């Protein structure tokens, strides 16, 4: 996964814009031990996305 592979430890949260909003990408982050913070696209069902993290 590019830059994430270069990190010594999995980050607690990975914040991305909705361009990365895919279930496959979210599942890959969960498997690495990170929590994805990615808002859903308008035509997708809502998933948990902590707004307090995404806004800051």
Protein backbone atom coordinates (compact mmCIF):
# COMPACT_ATOMS: atom_id res chain seq x y z
CA UNK A 1 0.00 0.00 0.00
CA UNK A 2 2.77 2.39 -0.82
CA UNK A 3 3.62 4.80 1.97
CA UNK A 4 1.89 2.72 4.63
CA UNK A 5 4.34 -0.12 3.95
CA UNK A 6 7.25 2.20 4.77
CA UNK A 7 6.00 2.99 8.29
CA UNK A 8 7.52 1.01 11.18
CA UNK A 9 4.10 0.59 12.87
CA UNK A 10 0.53 0.72 11.68
CA UNK A 11 -0.99 4.14 12.39
CA UNK A 12 -3.99 4.22 14.68
CA UNK A 13 -6.07 6.14 12.11
CA UNK A 14 -5.66 6.63 8.37
CA UNK A 15 -7.48 9.75 7.15
CA UNK A 16 -8.32 9.96 3.44
CA UNK A 17 -10.75 11.86 1.28
CA UNK A 18 -13.70 10.17 -0.39
CA UNK A 19 -11.58 9.33 -3.45
CA UNK A 20 -10.30 6.36 -1.42
CA UNK A 21 -13.80 5.30 -0.35
CA UNK A 22 -13.92 1.61 -1.24
CA UNK A 23 -14.68 -1.37 0.93
CA UNK A 24 -11.56 -3.12 -0.36
CA UNK A 25 -9.30 -0.26 0.78
CA UNK A 26 -11.06 0.01 4.16
CA UNK A 27 -10.71 -3.74 4.75
CA UNK A 28 -7.00 -3.58 3.90
CA UNK A 29 -6.54 -0.86 6.52
CA UNK A 30 -8.45 -2.86 9.16
CA UNK A 31 -6.26 -5.91 8.40
CA UNK A 32 -3.16 -3.80 9.07
CA UNK A 33 -4.53 -2.69 12.42
CA UNK A 34 -5.48 0.85 11.38
CA UNK A 35 -8.88 2.44 11.57
CA UNK A 36 -9.96 4.04 8.29
CA UNK A 37 -11.40 7.56 8.47
CA UNK A 38 -12.87 7.93 4.99
CA UNK A 39 -16.24 9.53 4.25
CA UNK A 40 -18.49 7.60 1.90
CA UNK A 41 -19.46 8.70 -1.57
CA UNK A 42 -22.99 10.00 -2.05
CA UNK A 43 -24.26 6.82 -3.72
CA UNK A 44 -22.84 4.43 -1.08
CA UNK A 45 -24.31 3.33 2.24
CA UNK A 46 -22.89 5.16 5.26
CA UNK A 47 -20.01 3.64 7.22
CA UNK A 48 -18.51 4.76 10.51
CA UNK A 49 -16.32 7.81 9.92
CA UNK A 50 -15.40 9.84 13.02
CA UNK A 51 -16.13 13.40 11.89
CA UNK A 52 -14.09 14.91 14.72
CA UNK A 53 -10.95 13.32 13.26
CA UNK A 54 -11.74 14.04 9.62
CA UNK A 55 -12.40 17.74 10.27
CA UNK A 56 -9.11 18.31 12.10
